[in-house]
Structures are given as structure tokens and as C-alpha cells.
C-alpha atoms as a PDB file:
ATOM      1  CA  MET A   1       0.000   0.000   0.000  1.00  0.00           C
ATOM      2  CA  SER A   2       1.431   3.377  -0.955  1.00  0.00           C
ATOM      3  CA  SER A   3       2.051   6.092   1.617  1.00  0.00           C
ATOM      4  CA  ASN A   4      -0.339   8.538  -0.031  1.00  0.00           C
ATOM      5  CA  VAL A   5      -3.424   6.363   0.478  1.00  0.00           C
ATOM      6  CA  ALA A   6      -4.320   8.262   3.642  1.00  0.00           C
ATOM      7  CA  GLN A   7      -4.368  11.509   1.663  1.00  0.00           C
ATOM      8  CA  ASN A   8      -7.434  10.276  -0.212  1.00  0.00           C
ATOM      9  CA  TYR A   9      -9.526  10.286   2.944  1.00  0.00           C
ATOM     10  CA  PRO A  10     -10.966  13.533   4.332  1.00  0.00           C
ATOM     11  CA  TYR A  11      -9.220  15.081   7.315  1.00  0.00           C
ATOM     12  CA  ALA A  12     -12.142  17.049   8.757  1.00  0.00           C
ATOM     13  CA  SER A  13     -15.181  19.024   7.731  1.00  0.00           C
ATOM     14  CA  GLU A  14     -15.913  22.740   7.694  1.00  0.00           C
ATOM     15  CA  SER A  15     -18.979  24.923   7.301  1.00  0.00           C
ATOM     16  CA  GLU A  16     -19.767  26.831   4.122  1.00  0.00           C
ATOM     17  CA  ALA A  17     -18.647  30.068   5.782  1.00  0.00           C
ATOM     18  CA  GLU A  18     -15.324  28.536   6.885  1.00  0.00           C
ATOM     19  CA  ARG A  19     -14.749  27.048   3.423  1.00  0.00           C
ATOM     20  CA  ALA A  20     -15.499  30.308   1.625  1.00  0.00           C
ATOM     21  CA  ALA A  21     -13.234  32.285   3.976  1.00  0.00           C
ATOM     22  CA  ALA A  22     -10.347  29.821   3.620  1.00  0.00           C
ATOM     23  CA  VAL A  23     -10.576  29.758  -0.174  1.00  0.00           C
ATOM     24  CA  GLU A  24     -10.851  33.549  -0.441  1.00  0.00           C
ATOM     25  CA  GLY A  25      -7.881  33.901   1.905  1.00  0.00           C
ATOM     26  CA  ALA A  26      -5.754  31.592  -0.245  1.00  0.00           C
ATOM     27  CA  LEU A  27      -6.852  33.338  -3.457  1.00  0.00           C
ATOM     28  CA  GLY A  28      -5.814  36.678  -1.984  1.00  0.00           C
ATOM     29  CA  VAL A  29      -2.406  35.502  -0.777  1.00  0.00           C
ATOM     30  CA  PHE A  30      -0.997  33.451  -3.653  1.00  0.00           C
ATOM     31  CA  GLU A  31      -0.272  35.298  -6.874  1.00  0.00           C
ATOM     32  CA  GLY A  32      -1.962  33.756  -9.903  1.00  0.00           C
ATOM     33  CA  LEU A  33      -4.088  31.315  -7.895  1.00  0.00           C
ATOM     34  CA  ARG A  34      -7.347  33.165  -8.542  1.00  0.00           C
ATOM     35  CA  ALA A  35      -6.734  33.148 -12.312  1.00  0.00           C
ATOM     36  CA  ARG A  36      -5.811  29.448 -12.231  1.00  0.00           C
ATOM     37  CA  VAL A  37      -8.976  28.521 -10.311  1.00  0.00           C
ATOM     38  CA  GLU A  38     -11.129  30.588 -12.674  1.00  0.00           C
ATOM     39  CA  ALA A  39      -9.522  28.900 -15.705  1.00  0.00           C
ATOM     40  CA  GLU A  40      -9.564  25.307 -14.408  1.00  0.00           C
ATOM     41  CA  ALA A  41     -12.686  25.077 -12.225  1.00  0.00           C
ATOM     42  CA  ARG A  42     -16.406  25.760 -12.349  1.00  0.00           C
ATOM     43  CA  ALA A  43     -18.195  27.579  -9.547  1.00  0.00           C
ATOM     44  CA  LEU A  44     -20.010  25.637  -6.853  1.00  0.00           C
ATOM     45  CA  GLY A  45     -23.299  27.423  -7.472  1.00  0.00           C
ATOM     46  CA  GLN A  46     -25.249  28.471  -4.374  1.00  0.00           C
ATOM     47  CA  PRO A  47     -24.284  26.149  -1.494  1.00  0.00           C
ATOM     48  CA  ALA A  48     -26.617  26.131   1.501  1.00  0.00           C
ATOM     49  CA  GLU A  49     -25.363  28.013   4.552  1.00  0.00           C
ATOM     50  CA  ASP A  50     -25.579  24.846   6.666  1.00  0.00           C
ATOM     51  CA  GLU A  51     -23.695  22.713   4.118  1.00  0.00           C
ATOM     52  CA  LEU A  52     -20.560  20.933   5.324  1.00  0.00           C
ATOM     53  CA  TRP A  53     -17.466  20.448   3.163  1.00  0.00           C
ATOM     54  CA  TRP A  54     -14.573  18.025   3.531  1.00  0.00           C
ATOM     55  CA  THR A  55     -11.007  19.215   4.007  1.00  0.00           C
ATOM     56  CA  TRP A  56      -7.862  17.181   3.322  1.00  0.00           C
ATOM     57  CA  VAL A  57      -4.245  17.347   4.463  1.00  0.00           C
ATOM     58  CA  CYS A  58      -2.064  18.848   1.725  1.00  0.00           C
ATOM     59  CA  PRO A  59       0.149  16.042   0.365  1.00  0.00           C
ATOM     60  CA  THR A  60       3.031  18.384  -0.509  1.00  0.00           C
ATOM     61  CA  ASP A  61       3.055  20.780   2.421  1.00  0.00           C
ATOM     62  CA  ASP A  62       4.906  19.845   5.622  1.00  0.00           C
ATOM     63  CA  LEU A  63       3.567  22.962   7.356  1.00  0.00           C
ATOM     64  CA  GLY A  64       0.112  21.539   7.975  1.00  0.00           C
ATOM     65  CA  GLY A  65      -1.721  22.984   4.987  1.00  0.00           C
ATOM     66  CA  ARG A  66      -5.321  21.984   4.362  1.00  0.00           C
ATOM     67  CA  LEU A  67      -7.089  21.543   1.054  1.00  0.00           C
ATOM     68  CA  HIS A  68     -10.384  23.428   0.750  1.00  0.00           C
ATOM     69  CA  VAL A  69     -12.998  22.947  -1.976  1.00  0.00           C
ATOM     70  CA  ALA A  70     -12.785  25.827  -4.472  1.00  0.00           C
ATOM     71  CA  GLY A  71     -15.064  24.454  -7.197  1.00  0.00           C
ATOM     72  CA  HIS A  72     -15.727  21.590  -9.560  1.00  0.00           C
ATOM     73  CA  ALA A  73     -12.974  20.563 -11.966  1.00  0.00           C
ATOM     74  CA  GLY A  74     -13.678  21.977 -15.405  1.00  0.00           C
ATOM     75  CA  GLU A  75     -12.582  18.999 -17.493  1.00  0.00           C
ATOM     76  CA  ARG A  76     -12.887  16.077 -15.067  1.00  0.00           C
ATOM     77  CA  HIS A  77     -15.398  14.635 -12.659  1.00  0.00           C
ATOM     78  CA  ALA A  78     -13.692  15.836  -9.489  1.00  0.00           C
ATOM     79  CA  ILE A  79     -13.616  18.450  -6.759  1.00  0.00           C
ATOM     80  CA  TYR A  80     -11.094  21.243  -7.310  1.00  0.00           C
ATOM     81  CA  ALA A  81      -9.314  22.037  -4.031  1.00  0.00           C
ATOM     82  CA  VAL A  82      -6.662  24.593  -3.069  1.00  0.00           C
ATOM     83  CA  CYS A  83      -4.128  24.497  -0.240  1.00  0.00           C
ATOM     84  CA  ASP A  84      -4.283  27.365   2.235  1.00  0.00           C
ATOM     85  CA  ARG A  85      -0.535  27.156   2.997  1.00  0.00           C
ATOM     86  CA  CYS A  86       1.280  26.469  -0.287  1.00  0.00           C
ATOM     87  CA  GLY A  87      -1.247  27.686  -2.877  1.00  0.00           C
ATOM     88  CA  ARG A  88      -1.219  24.537  -4.961  1.00  0.00           C
ATOM     89  CA  SER A  89      -4.375  23.088  -6.445  1.00  0.00           C
ATOM     90  CA  PHE A  90      -5.499  19.460  -6.490  1.00  0.00           C
ATOM     91  CA  LEU A  91      -8.307  17.318  -7.844  1.00  0.00           C
ATOM     92  CA  ARG A  92     -10.042  15.226  -5.198  1.00  0.00           C
END
């Protein structure tokens, strides 16, 4: 079994407000991330305020970064997530 198997399982959950704040924070900090998300992902639509979202541990960040849902992947059937610590994006 490979060492990255655990990265496929969610780490925790967060509210819609927490998710939106984390994503907006990452988009504001990392140069070019907003443009990349807009080019590679589709918007989530209108999530309910009481909706819960999964978070994952960033597989490339040793600083404890978390992946937050930023949209739906534009060309694949996947969730598009961004790391709040390194600014990388991942498909989940």
C-alpha cells in the first residue's frame, strides 16, 4: 500500500462560511491562484449556509496545509481544491 493512500480520505469538515473564507484567503495571498482557479474550475453554485465540506491534508506541504474545496474541476469529474498554505491546487 502506498504512503499517499491516507491523503485520499478527508481530514475534517468545515462549514460553508469557513470554506469560503479559507478559499478567499488563499486566493488573496498566492499570486496567480485566482486566475488558475477561474480557468480550471467551475463555480459551486449556491451552497446552503448549513452545508458541510470536507477538508484534506495537503500532500506536498509539511507545514500543515489543508485543502479546501474551491469548485468543480472543469474537465474532469472531481472536486477542485486549493491548499491554504502552499497555494497549490489538487483534484479530489
